[in-house]
Protein backbone atom coordinates (compact mmCIF):
# COMPACT_ATOMS: atom_id res chain seq x y z
CA MET A 1 22.70 82.22 50.80
CA LYS A 2 22.06 80.28 53.65
CA THR A 3 25.23 78.48 55.43
CA THR A 4 24.74 74.91 56.86
CA LEU A 5 26.96 73.70 59.81
CA LYS A 6 27.62 69.99 58.98
CA PRO A 7 27.69 68.45 62.14
CA ARG A 8 31.29 67.03 63.67
CA PRO A 9 31.88 63.38 63.30
CA ARG A 10 31.86 61.40 66.36
CA ALA A 11 33.67 58.35 66.33
CA PRO A 12 32.45 54.98 68.04
CA ALA A 13 33.26 54.24 71.60
CA ASP A 14 36.26 51.89 72.18
CA SER A 15 35.71 48.69 74.20
CA GLY A 16 35.86 50.28 77.71
CA GLY A 17 32.82 52.65 76.96
CA VAL A 18 35.17 55.99 76.25
CA PRO A 19 34.16 57.69 72.97
CA ALA A 20 37.30 57.71 70.47
CA LEU A 21 37.19 61.27 70.08
CA VAL A 22 37.08 63.56 72.93
CA THR A 23 37.33 67.26 74.10
CA ARG A 24 40.13 68.57 76.12
CA ARG A 25 37.85 68.54 79.02
CA GLN A 26 36.73 65.05 78.62
CA LEU A 27 40.41 63.93 78.07
CA ALA A 28 42.05 65.29 81.05
CA PRO A 29 40.40 62.76 83.68
CA LEU A 30 41.01 60.02 81.35
CA ILE A 31 44.61 60.39 80.94
CA GLY A 32 45.19 61.92 84.54
CA ALA A 33 46.31 65.19 83.43
CA HIS A 34 44.92 68.62 84.05
CA GLU A 35 43.43 70.85 81.22
CA ILE A 36 46.17 73.35 81.06
CA THR A 37 48.78 70.47 80.69
CA ILE A 38 46.96 69.22 77.66
CA THR A 39 47.08 72.71 76.09
CA LYS A 40 51.04 72.62 76.87
CA TRP A 41 51.37 69.22 75.55
CA GLN A 42 49.63 69.74 72.31
CA ARG A 43 52.33 72.79 71.80
CA GLU A 44 54.80 69.99 72.34
CA GLY A 45 53.38 67.58 70.00
CA LEU A 46 50.06 65.98 71.29
CA PRO A 47 48.29 64.47 68.47
CA VAL A 48 45.09 66.28 67.98
CA ALA A 49 42.43 64.43 65.88
CA MET A 50 40.33 67.70 65.12
CA ARG A 51 41.51 71.44 65.80
CA GLY A 52 38.41 73.47 67.06
CA ARG A 53 37.56 76.78 65.67
CA ARG A 54 34.79 79.08 66.24
CA GLY A 55 34.14 78.37 69.50
CA LYS A 56 34.25 74.44 69.01
CA ALA A 57 36.69 72.42 70.99
CA SER A 58 39.27 70.38 69.49
CA LEU A 59 38.74 66.49 69.69
CA TYR A 60 41.46 64.45 70.81
CA ASP A 61 41.84 60.39 69.92
CA VAL A 62 42.14 58.84 73.25
CA ALA A 63 44.25 55.94 71.92
CA LYS A 64 46.51 58.01 70.26
CA VAL A 65 46.68 60.36 73.04
CA ARG A 66 47.92 57.44 75.62
CA ALA A 67 50.28 56.11 73.09
CA TRP A 68 52.04 59.53 72.82
CA LYS A 69 51.80 60.10 76.59
CA GLN A 70 53.24 56.47 77.16
CA ALA A 71 56.30 57.14 74.34
CA ARG A 72 56.90 60.49 76.22
CA GLU A 73 57.36 58.93 79.62
CA GLU A 74 59.54 56.04 78.48
CA ALA A 75 61.84 58.77 76.72
CA ALA A 76 62.05 60.67 80.06
CA GLN A 77 62.96 57.35 81.95
CA ALA A 78 65.36 56.61 79.31
CA LYS A 79 67.08 60.33 79.78
CA ALA A 80 66.50 60.12 83.51
CA PRO A 81 69.97 59.39 85.37
CA ASP A 82 70.40 56.01 86.96
CA PHE A 83 70.45 57.08 90.77
CA MET A 84 72.71 54.08 92.06
CA ALA A 85 75.36 54.62 88.51
CA SER A 86 75.34 58.42 89.61
CA ARG A 87 76.20 57.85 93.31
CA SER A 88 78.56 55.26 92.54
CA ARG A 89 80.68 57.76 90.28
CA LYS A 90 80.34 60.41 93.26
CA GLU A 91 81.94 57.82 95.83
CA LEU A 92 84.58 56.91 93.32
CA ALA A 93 85.32 60.73 92.92
CA GLN A 94 85.53 61.16 96.50
CA ALA A 95 87.64 58.11 97.31
CA MET A 96 90.15 59.36 94.28
CA GLU A 97 90.22 62.79 96.08
CA ALA A 98 90.86 61.66 99.46
CA GLU A 99 93.67 59.40 98.08
CA GLN A 100 95.06 62.38 96.48
CA ARG A 101 95.04 64.41 99.49
CA VAL A 102 96.87 61.62 101.42
CA ALA A 103 99.46 61.35 98.95
CA THR A 104 99.98 65.14 99.03
CA ARG A 105 100.34 65.12 102.53
CA ALA A 106 102.94 62.34 102.33
CA GLY A 107 104.89 64.12 99.83
CA ALA A 108 104.13 61.93 96.89
CA LEU A 109 102.31 64.39 94.98
CA ILE A 110 103.13 68.18 94.53
CA PRO A 111 100.61 70.87 93.46
CA ILE A 112 100.84 71.63 89.84
CA GLU A 113 101.57 75.42 90.69
CA ASP A 114 104.77 74.22 92.42
CA VAL A 115 105.74 72.09 89.26
CA ARG A 116 105.05 75.09 86.88
CA ARG A 117 106.79 77.56 89.13
CA ILE A 118 110.07 75.41 89.53
CA TRP A 119 109.98 74.41 85.73
CA SER A 120 109.71 77.84 84.56
CA SER A 121 112.78 78.81 87.02
CA GLU A 122 114.58 75.64 85.32
CA VAL A 123 113.89 76.76 81.79
CA ALA A 124 114.64 80.23 82.21
CA SER A 125 118.20 79.33 83.87
CA VAL A 126 119.09 77.12 80.97
CA ARG A 127 117.90 79.74 78.46
CA ALA A 128 120.13 82.26 80.21
CA ARG A 129 122.99 80.00 80.23
CA MET A 130 122.48 78.88 76.24
CA LEU A 131 122.21 82.60 75.27
CA ALA A 132 125.51 83.45 77.13
CA TRP A 133 127.40 80.92 75.13
CA PRO A 134 128.33 82.87 72.31
CA ARG A 135 130.05 85.29 74.70
CA ALA A 136 131.37 82.88 77.10
CA ILE A 137 133.24 80.86 74.81
CA THR A 138 134.10 82.59 71.65
CA VAL A 139 137.76 83.74 72.85
CA ARG A 140 138.08 79.67 73.73
CA VAL A 141 136.85 78.57 70.40
CA CYS A 142 139.03 81.09 68.53
CA ARG A 143 142.09 79.92 70.54
CA ILE A 144 141.35 76.01 70.35
CA ALA A 145 140.67 76.61 66.51
CA THR A 146 144.09 77.82 65.55
CA SER A 147 145.66 75.37 67.83
CA GLU A 148 143.90 72.07 68.05
CA GLY A 149 141.30 72.88 64.69
CA GLU A 150 137.95 71.19 64.41
CA VAL A 151 138.24 68.31 67.21
CA GLY A 152 139.12 71.10 69.57
CA VAL A 153 136.34 73.30 68.52
CA GLU A 154 133.99 70.28 68.77
CA ARG A 155 135.21 69.40 72.41
CA ILE A 156 134.68 72.97 73.75
CA LEU A 157 131.12 73.32 72.23
CA ARG A 158 130.17 69.69 73.59
CA LYS A 159 131.22 70.67 77.10
CA ALA A 160 129.10 73.60 76.94
CA VAL A 161 126.13 71.74 75.84
CA GLU A 162 126.79 68.82 78.76
CA ASP A 163 126.86 71.74 81.07
CA VAL A 164 123.48 73.03 80.24
CA LEU A 165 122.24 69.67 79.80
CA SER A 166 123.53 68.88 83.19
CA GLN A 167 122.09 71.89 84.77
CA LEU A 168 118.42 70.86 83.17
CA ALA A 169 118.80 67.51 84.48
CA GLY A 170 119.11 68.85 88.22
CA GLY A 171 122.84 68.82 88.66
CA GLY A 172 123.05 65.26 88.44
CA ALA A 173 125.51 63.20 86.61
CA LYS A 174 126.72 64.39 83.25
CA PRO A 175 125.80 62.72 80.36
CA ALA A 176 128.00 59.92 79.14
CA LYS A 177 131.00 60.84 76.53
CA ARG A 178 130.58 59.81 73.37
CA ARG A 179 133.46 58.60 71.50
CA ARG A 180 135.19 61.10 69.36
CA ARG A 181 135.29 60.96 65.56
CA ALA A 182 138.67 60.69 64.09
CA ALA A 183 139.72 63.84 62.39
CA ALA A 184 139.41 63.55 58.82
């Protein structure tokens, strides 16, 4: 049985005299790219009109390839960062950093490590004082409970809480005293 090869169809030339279907070698100078680049682009989605087989070159539709390349370049432009916007962000960040350095030197800002260290120390101190309450005020509470009752116990507990809150506030003024409830 004899096999006859059918000739590959050739598309008519476009208005510029360029054939509509061309090989990779013919396509390269038409779109300003190297043949290896065309092969790479083919893996990235470059449209191929007819895949080549058995030693036959693939054929490309020049108009579709140009449209694909144009869309690819436009997408790359859209992704590309705007140089002026990037520069503005950089300059703003540098200005903010300079202002922070000046404020730190002037004492208006303190390093976060110092804040954490001081805050941890204060919290530990308040915690220790609160944990010491039961031992420190038990005897007084019992004594006052028998002599003054609920009002006296409340007074002692309120004083202990105010002492801890005063210490937490930095030893400043004690919290305002609340009116006592009338004993029921």
